[in-house]
């Protein structure tokens, strides 16, 4: 099991262009107005109509109708209840799927990947430094002594690992025998295809999709990865056609409906946390709505391993007290919040770990 567990949130992908939860829908609306998501215009506009319907709720009950997590959760509940204001019931049923499409296209249009060293598209340079850090911490067996747990859908870590020739283990049910660094994506990923008939998830590995850069972008310095929108074009390993959209689940309370598909992923996350000696959280703000992650962190951390350090890196001064509030006495003394960015955190950790060889 891993000694060092990295936990990445949305803040880790901001520099690559990804919006945060609080401005994600605003960015999506600007893309739609600019005509950059014409292939998904109907889904975007349906989401915005649903968002408008939620404003009437806000007048009676406090609900953040601008935050992606809150809106996605409300859409999930509306589909279960079968109503949302005066919207047509058929539209209400389509809202969660429309939101998934909006998430996929927004990330595809906003995130930029530079020309790589070993393939046509590479990772954002600070993600390459992040993987270098992982390799430096445990140089003998980096993918056995560290793991990455992420709440993000994007492909930054995936590309960086491939760029640095580190094999990936997504910890999926029925996947290949574990042989790489565990990249545990709690909410799914833009490169995960899903077969409804077999109820299985099959990832498209970076080696397969990084070589497919469009010809018109061949000499561009930065490129967009249009992977999620194409996930339904190829056959799954079982021979069936996958769903049109990649397998992503909402970052909200209602994850249990995906329990059968993601059981292996969540179980792997719990096992890694149980044996962690260093936990490094970067860009994850521990929002109040994410009860799932709080329980995963609490239950997963139950074990014999002693936590030497619990780092949290996030520019917001409010994040540190949120984590400190849920920590027990054994971890509280080892807790350290630094209000810095992902790029700064990687530099800080490299310097800090170099000065502390005993934690290796």
Protein backbone atom coordinates (compact mmCIF):
# COMPACT_ATOMS: atom_id res chain seq x y z
CA UNK A 1 0.00 0.00 0.00
CA UNK A 2 1.05 3.62 -0.51
CA UNK A 3 2.90 5.62 2.09
CA UNK A 4 2.13 8.93 0.38
CA UNK A 5 -1.41 9.66 -0.80
CA UNK A 6 -2.07 12.75 -2.92
CA UNK A 7 -5.64 14.06 -3.08
CA UNK A 8 -6.35 16.49 -5.92
CA UNK A 9 -9.38 18.74 -6.30
CA UNK A 10 -10.60 21.26 -8.88
CA UNK A 11 -8.08 23.85 -7.74
CA UNK A 12 -5.27 21.69 -9.08
CA UNK A 13 -6.53 22.09 -12.66
CA UNK A 14 -7.25 25.82 -12.70
CA UNK A 15 -3.93 26.75 -14.29
CA UNK A 16 -4.68 24.33 -17.15
CA UNK A 17 -7.91 26.24 -17.84
CA UNK A 18 -10.53 24.24 -15.92
CA UNK A 19 -13.24 26.33 -14.21
CA UNK A 20 -13.94 25.97 -10.50
CA UNK A 21 -17.30 24.85 -9.10
CA UNK A 22 -18.48 28.41 -8.42
CA UNK A 23 -17.85 29.74 -11.96
CA UNK A 24 -18.21 26.56 -14.03
CA UNK A 25 -21.73 27.40 -15.25
CA UNK A 26 -20.76 30.98 -16.04
CA UNK A 27 -17.89 29.75 -18.20
CA UNK A 28 -20.23 27.26 -19.89
CA UNK A 29 -22.68 30.05 -20.68
CA UNK A 30 -19.93 32.15 -22.26
CA UNK A 31 -18.91 29.19 -24.44
CA UNK A 32 -22.51 28.75 -25.59
CA UNK A 33 -22.88 32.47 -26.37
CA UNK A 34 -19.64 32.41 -28.35
CA UNK A 35 -20.90 29.48 -30.47
CA UNK A 36 -18.08 27.17 -29.36
CA UNK A 37 -20.38 24.31 -28.31
CA UNK A 38 -22.82 24.27 -31.23
CA UNK A 39 -22.83 20.46 -31.21
CA UNK A 40 -24.27 20.54 -27.67
CA UNK A 41 -26.32 23.72 -27.77
CA UNK A 42 -29.60 22.00 -26.86
CA UNK A 43 -28.10 20.39 -23.74
CA UNK A 44 -26.45 23.64 -22.62
CA UNK A 45 -29.69 25.61 -22.99
CA UNK A 46 -31.66 22.94 -21.12
CA UNK A 47 -29.23 23.22 -18.20
CA UNK A 48 -29.60 26.99 -18.18
CA UNK A 49 -33.41 26.70 -18.17
CA UNK A 50 -33.16 24.35 -15.23
CA UNK A 51 -30.81 26.76 -13.50
CA UNK A 52 -33.31 29.57 -14.01
CA UNK A 53 -36.07 27.42 -12.54
CA UNK A 54 -33.94 26.98 -9.41
CA UNK A 55 -33.90 30.74 -8.83
CA UNK A 56 -37.52 30.56 -7.66
CA UNK A 57 -36.44 27.99 -5.07
CA UNK A 58 -33.77 30.38 -3.81
CA UNK A 59 -36.43 32.94 -2.87
CA UNK A 60 -37.85 30.51 -0.28
CA UNK A 61 -34.87 28.31 0.61
CA UNK A 62 -31.14 28.96 0.40
CA UNK A 63 -29.74 27.08 -2.60
CA UNK A 64 -26.72 28.22 -4.55
CA UNK A 65 -28.07 28.12 -8.10
CA UNK A 66 -24.71 29.31 -9.47
CA UNK A 67 -22.57 26.50 -8.03
CA UNK A 68 -22.11 23.42 -10.23
CA UNK A 69 -22.32 20.96 -7.32
CA UNK A 70 -25.53 22.48 -5.93
CA UNK A 71 -27.23 22.66 -9.33
CA UNK A 72 -26.21 19.12 -10.30
CA UNK A 73 -27.53 17.81 -6.97
CA UNK A 74 -30.80 19.69 -7.47
CA UNK A 75 -31.18 18.22 -10.98
CA UNK A 76 -30.65 14.69 -9.63
CA UNK A 77 -33.31 15.24 -6.96
CA UNK A 78 -35.66 16.83 -9.51
CA UNK A 79 -35.43 13.75 -11.73
CA UNK A 80 -36.27 11.53 -8.74
CA UNK A 81 -39.16 13.80 -7.73
CA UNK A 82 -40.31 14.21 -11.34
CA UNK A 83 -40.67 17.98 -11.20
CA UNK A 84 -38.83 21.27 -11.16
CA UNK A 85 -41.03 24.35 -11.13
CA UNK A 86 -43.05 24.67 -14.34
CA UNK A 87 -40.61 22.73 -16.51
CA UNK A 88 -41.90 19.95 -18.74
CA UNK A 89 -41.48 16.56 -16.96
CA UNK A 90 -39.58 15.16 -19.94
CA UNK A 91 -37.09 18.01 -19.73
CA UNK A 92 -36.70 17.43 -15.99
CA UNK A 93 -35.79 13.80 -16.64
CA UNK A 94 -33.17 14.92 -19.17
CA UNK A 95 -31.50 17.51 -16.92
CA UNK A 96 -28.78 15.30 -15.31
CA UNK A 97 -27.67 13.91 -18.68
CA UNK A 98 -27.63 17.41 -20.14
CA UNK A 99 -25.45 18.52 -17.23
CA UNK A 100 -22.99 15.70 -17.93
CA UNK A 101 -22.75 16.82 -21.53
CA UNK A 102 -22.18 20.40 -20.42
CA UNK A 103 -19.37 19.31 -18.09
CA UNK A 104 -17.64 17.27 -20.81
CA UNK A 105 -17.78 19.99 -23.46
CA UNK A 106 -16.82 22.78 -21.08
CA UNK A 107 -13.70 20.93 -19.96
CA UNK A 108 -12.82 20.04 -23.53
CA UNK A 109 -13.07 23.66 -24.65
CA UNK A 110 -11.29 25.30 -21.73
CA UNK A 111 -8.36 23.00 -20.91
CA UNK A 112 -5.17 23.34 -22.96
CA UNK A 113 -2.40 20.76 -23.35
CA UNK A 114 1.01 21.70 -24.79
CA UNK A 115 3.06 19.76 -27.29
CA UNK A 116 4.51 16.77 -25.46
CA UNK A 117 7.90 15.08 -25.35
CA UNK A 118 6.91 11.51 -26.14
CA UNK A 119 3.66 12.02 -28.08
CA UNK A 120 1.76 14.72 -29.96
CA UNK A 121 0.03 16.11 -26.87
CA UNK A 122 1.64 16.49 -23.47
CA UNK A 123 0.52 17.49 -19.98
CA UNK A 124 0.49 21.00 -18.55
CA UNK A 125 4.10 21.53 -17.43
CA UNK A 126 3.27 21.79 -13.72
CA UNK A 127 1.62 18.36 -13.86
CA UNK A 128 4.84 16.97 -15.26
CA UNK A 129 6.63 18.46 -12.25
CA UNK A 130 4.02 16.84 -10.01
CA UNK A 131 4.76 13.38 -11.42
CA UNK A 132 8.49 14.09 -11.09
CA UNK A 133 7.84 14.84 -7.41
CA UNK A 134 6.12 11.47 -6.98
CA UNK A 135 9.09 9.73 -8.56
CA UNK A 136 11.55 11.66 -6.38
CA UNK A 137 9.79 10.81 -3.10
CA UNK A 138 10.17 7.06 -3.57
CA UNK A 139 12.68 6.68 -6.42
CA UNK A 140 12.97 2.89 -6.14
CA UNK A 141 9.27 2.09 -6.62
CA UNK A 142 7.28 5.32 -7.10
CA UNK A 143 4.08 3.65 -8.30
CA UNK A 144 4.01 1.26 -5.37
CA UNK A 145 4.71 3.79 -2.61
CA UNK A 146 2.46 6.66 -3.78
CA UNK A 147 -1.02 7.01 -5.22
CA UNK A 148 -3.25 9.82 -6.47
CA UNK A 149 -6.91 10.19 -5.51
CA UNK A 150 -8.73 12.86 -7.49
CA UNK A 151 -12.23 14.33 -7.61
CA UNK A 152 -11.56 15.71 -11.11
CA UNK A 153 -12.81 14.39 -14.43
CA UNK A 154 -9.98 15.83 -16.53
CA UNK A 155 -6.96 14.08 -18.02
CA UNK A 156 -4.07 16.16 -16.69
CA UNK A 157 -2.63 13.50 -14.36
CA UNK A 158 -3.24 10.76 -16.93
CA UNK A 159 -1.25 12.65 -19.57
CA UNK A 160 1.55 13.53 -17.15
CA UNK A 161 1.99 9.93 -16.04
CA UNK A 162 2.13 8.74 -19.63
CA UNK A 163 4.55 11.53 -20.55
CA UNK A 164 6.88 10.40 -17.76
CA UNK A 165 6.51 6.70 -18.73
CA UNK A 166 4.68 5.77 -15.52
CA UNK A 167 2.03 3.03 -16.03
CA UNK A 168 -1.49 3.74 -14.76
CA UNK A 169 -3.77 1.58 -12.63
CA UNK A 170 -7.31 3.02 -12.51
CA UNK A 171 -8.37 0.41 -9.92
CA UNK A 172 -11.50 -0.47 -11.91
CA UNK A 173 -13.41 -3.71 -11.49
CA UNK A 174 -12.13 -6.34 -13.89
CA UNK A 175 -9.26 -4.14 -15.02
CA UNK A 176 -5.79 -5.26 -15.94
CA UNK A 177 -3.60 -6.70 -13.16
CA UNK A 178 -2.25 -3.84 -11.01
CA UNK A 179 1.13 -2.80 -12.36
CA UNK A 180 1.19 0.99 -12.26
CA UNK A 181 0.61 4.02 -10.09
CA UNK A 182 -2.91 3.99 -8.69
CA UNK A 183 -4.86 6.89 -10.21
CA UNK A 184 -8.15 6.73 -8.33
CA UNK A 185 -10.78 8.94 -9.98
CA UNK A 186 -13.69 9.04 -7.54
CA UNK A 187 -16.18 10.66 -9.93
CA UNK A 188 -15.22 8.99 -13.21
CA UNK A 189 -13.22 10.38 -16.08
CA UNK A 190 -13.48 11.85 -19.57
CA UNK A 191 -11.72 8.77 -20.96
CA UNK A 192 -13.90 6.12 -19.31
CA UNK A 193 -16.36 4.35 -21.58
CA UNK A 194 -19.37 2.54 -20.10
CA UNK A 195 -21.24 -0.50 -21.44
CA UNK A 196 -24.84 -0.61 -20.19
CA UNK A 197 -25.28 -4.26 -21.23
CA UNK A 198 -22.28 -5.51 -19.28
CA UNK A 199 -22.40 -2.73 -16.65
CA UNK A 200 -18.65 -2.29 -16.91
CA UNK A 201 -16.29 0.66 -17.28
CA UNK A 202 -13.38 0.45 -19.71
CA UNK A 203 -10.81 3.26 -19.80
CA UNK A 204 -9.20 4.54 -22.96
CA UNK A 205 -5.55 4.80 -21.96
CA UNK A 206 -3.46 7.86 -22.85
CA UNK A 207 -1.30 5.89 -25.28
CA UNK A 208 -4.43 5.44 -27.40
CA UNK A 209 -5.86 8.96 -27.39
CA UNK A 210 -2.82 11.26 -27.22
CA UNK A 211 -1.71 10.33 -30.74
CA UNK A 212 -5.03 11.41 -32.31
CA UNK A 213 -4.48 15.17 -32.45
CA UNK A 214 -6.43 16.81 -35.31
CA UNK A 215 -4.34 17.69 -38.37
CA UNK A 216 -5.24 21.40 -38.19
CA UNK A 217 -3.64 21.57 -34.74
CA UNK A 218 -0.52 19.67 -35.72
CA UNK A 219 1.84 22.58 -35.21
CA UNK A 220 -0.07 24.36 -32.45
CA UNK A 221 1.78 25.06 -29.20
CA UNK A 222 -1.32 24.20 -27.15
CA UNK A 223 -4.12 21.79 -27.97
CA UNK A 224 -7.56 20.77 -26.75
CA UNK A 225 -8.26 17.12 -26.07
CA UNK A 226 -11.65 16.18 -27.50
CA UNK A 227 -11.83 12.75 -25.89
CA UNK A 228 -15.07 12.62 -23.90
CA UNK A 229 -17.15 13.60 -26.92
CA UNK A 230 -15.66 10.72 -28.93
CA UNK A 231 -15.82 8.02 -26.27
CA UNK A 232 -18.99 6.52 -27.80
CA UNK A 233 -17.51 6.06 -31.27
CA UNK A 234 -15.44 2.92 -30.63
CA UNK A 235 -16.43 -0.49 -29.36
CA UNK A 236 -15.82 -1.60 -25.79
CA UNK A 237 -13.53 -4.62 -25.09
CA UNK A 238 -16.75 -6.64 -24.73
CA UNK A 239 -17.64 -5.77 -28.32
CA UNK A 240 -20.64 -3.60 -27.45
CA UNK A 241 -21.09 0.06 -28.26
CA UNK A 242 -20.49 2.24 -25.18
CA UNK A 243 -22.74 5.02 -23.99
CA UNK A 244 -22.50 8.28 -25.93
CA UNK A 245 -21.03 10.15 -22.95
CA UNK A 246 -18.06 9.13 -20.79
CA UNK A 247 -18.75 7.69 -17.37
CA UNK A 248 -18.81 10.61 -14.94
CA UNK A 249 -20.92 10.93 -11.81
CA UNK A 250 -21.97 14.13 -10.06
CA UNK A 251 -19.75 15.46 -7.27
CA UNK A 252 -22.78 15.43 -4.97
CA UNK A 253 -24.64 13.45 -2.32
CA UNK A 254 -26.17 10.98 -4.78
CA UNK A 255 -23.11 8.82 -5.56
CA UNK A 256 -24.64 5.65 -4.14
CA UNK A 257 -26.69 5.14 -7.30
CA UNK A 258 -23.35 4.36 -9.01
CA UNK A 259 -22.20 2.00 -6.29
CA UNK A 260 -21.96 -1.15 -8.41
CA UNK A 261 -19.82 0.49 -11.12
CA UNK A 262 -17.48 2.38 -8.78
CA UNK A 263 -17.29 0.02 -5.81
CA UNK A 264 -13.76 -1.12 -6.72
CA UNK A 265 -12.56 2.48 -7.15
CA UNK A 266 -13.95 3.66 -3.81
CA UNK A 267 -12.67 0.53 -2.06
CA UNK A 268 -9.18 1.17 -3.43
CA UNK A 269 -9.30 4.75 -2.16
CA UNK A 270 -10.26 3.56 1.33
CA UNK A 271 -7.42 1.01 1.39
CA UNK A 272 -4.82 3.57 0.34
CA UNK A 273 -5.96 6.08 2.97
CA UNK A 274 -5.86 3.38 5.63
CA UNK A 275 -2.14 2.80 5.15
CA UNK A 276 -1.12 6.38 4.36
CA UNK A 277 1.72 7.94 6.36
CA UNK A 278 1.59 11.24 4.47
CA UNK A 279 -1.64 12.70 3.10
CA UNK A 280 -1.22 15.64 0.72
CA UNK A 281 -4.39 17.50 -0.30
CA UNK A 282 -4.03 20.01 -3.16
CA UNK A 283 -6.81 22.22 -4.53
CA UNK A 284 -9.65 20.45 -2.75
CA UNK A 285 -11.71 22.76 -0.54
CA UNK A 286 -13.76 20.12 1.34
CA UNK A 287 -17.16 21.67 0.45
CA UNK A 288 -19.96 21.22 2.95
CA UNK A 289 -22.09 19.38 0.38
CA UNK A 290 -19.53 16.59 -0.14
CA UNK A 291 -20.47 14.32 2.74
CA UNK A 292 -19.33 11.34 0.67
CA UNK A 293 -15.70 12.41 0.71
CA UNK A 294 -15.77 13.26 4.42
CA UNK A 295 -16.97 9.76 5.26
CA UNK A 296 -14.52 8.18 2.80
CA UNK A 297 -11.67 10.06 4.43
CA UNK A 298 -12.83 9.14 7.94
CA UNK A 299 -13.55 5.45 7.28
CA UNK A 300 -10.53 4.97 5.04
CA UNK A 301 -8.15 6.47 7.58
CA UNK A 302 -9.09 3.83 10.19
CA UNK A 303 -5.97 1.69 10.40
CA UNK A 304 -2.69 1.05 12.19
CA UNK A 305 -0.57 3.45 10.12
CA UNK A 306 0.59 6.58 11.92
CA UNK A 307 0.15 9.81 9.99
CA UNK A 308 3.47 11.66 9.90
CA UNK A 309 2.05 14.63 8.00
CA UNK A 310 -1.32 15.88 6.77
CA UNK A 311 -0.74 18.73 4.34
CA UNK A 312 -3.48 20.84 2.76
CA UNK A 313 -2.56 23.27 -0.01
CA UNK A 314 -5.27 25.70 -1.09
CA UNK A 315 -5.11 29.50 -1.54
CA UNK A 316 -8.26 30.05 0.53
CA UNK A 317 -7.71 30.69 4.23
CA UNK A 318 -11.14 29.11 4.89
CA UNK A 319 -10.07 25.63 3.78
CA UNK A 320 -7.64 24.94 6.61
CA UNK A 321 -10.25 25.31 9.39
CA UNK A 322 -12.66 23.02 7.48
CA UNK A 323 -10.15 20.18 7.49
CA UNK A 324 -9.01 20.85 11.03
CA UNK A 325 -12.64 20.60 12.15
CA UNK A 326 -12.94 16.96 11.00
CA UNK A 327 -9.50 15.74 12.12
CA UNK A 328 -9.00 13.65 15.24
CA UNK A 329 -6.28 14.16 17.81
CA UNK A 330 -3.80 11.78 16.14
CA UNK A 331 -3.91 13.74 12.87
CA UNK A 332 -4.49 17.24 14.20
CA UNK A 333 -0.95 17.58 15.53
CA UNK A 334 0.38 16.63 12.10
CA UNK A 335 -1.84 19.04 10.19
CA UNK A 336 -0.43 21.91 8.15
CA UNK A 337 -2.43 24.20 5.84
CA UNK A 338 -0.51 26.33 3.34
CA UNK A 339 -2.54 28.96 1.38
CA UNK A 340 -0.67 28.44 -1.90
CA UNK A 341 -1.43 27.19 -5.43
CA UNK A 342 -0.81 23.79 -6.98
CA UNK A 343 2.37 24.98 -8.73
CA UNK A 344 3.70 26.49 -5.51
CA UNK A 345 2.76 23.37 -3.55
CA UNK A 346 4.78 21.11 -5.85
CA UNK A 347 7.84 23.33 -5.40
CA UNK A 348 7.34 23.52 -1.64
CA UNK A 349 6.98 19.75 -1.29
CA UNK A 350 10.02 19.04 -3.39
CA UNK A 351 12.12 21.31 -1.21
CA UNK A 352 10.55 20.06 2.02
CA UNK A 353 10.93 16.38 1.23
CA UNK A 354 14.51 16.90 0.06
CA UNK A 355 15.29 18.35 3.48
CA UNK A 356 13.55 15.47 5.26
CA UNK A 357 14.97 12.19 3.92
CA UNK A 358 13.76 10.36 7.03
CA UNK A 359 10.14 10.44 5.78
CA UNK A 360 11.08 8.46 2.70
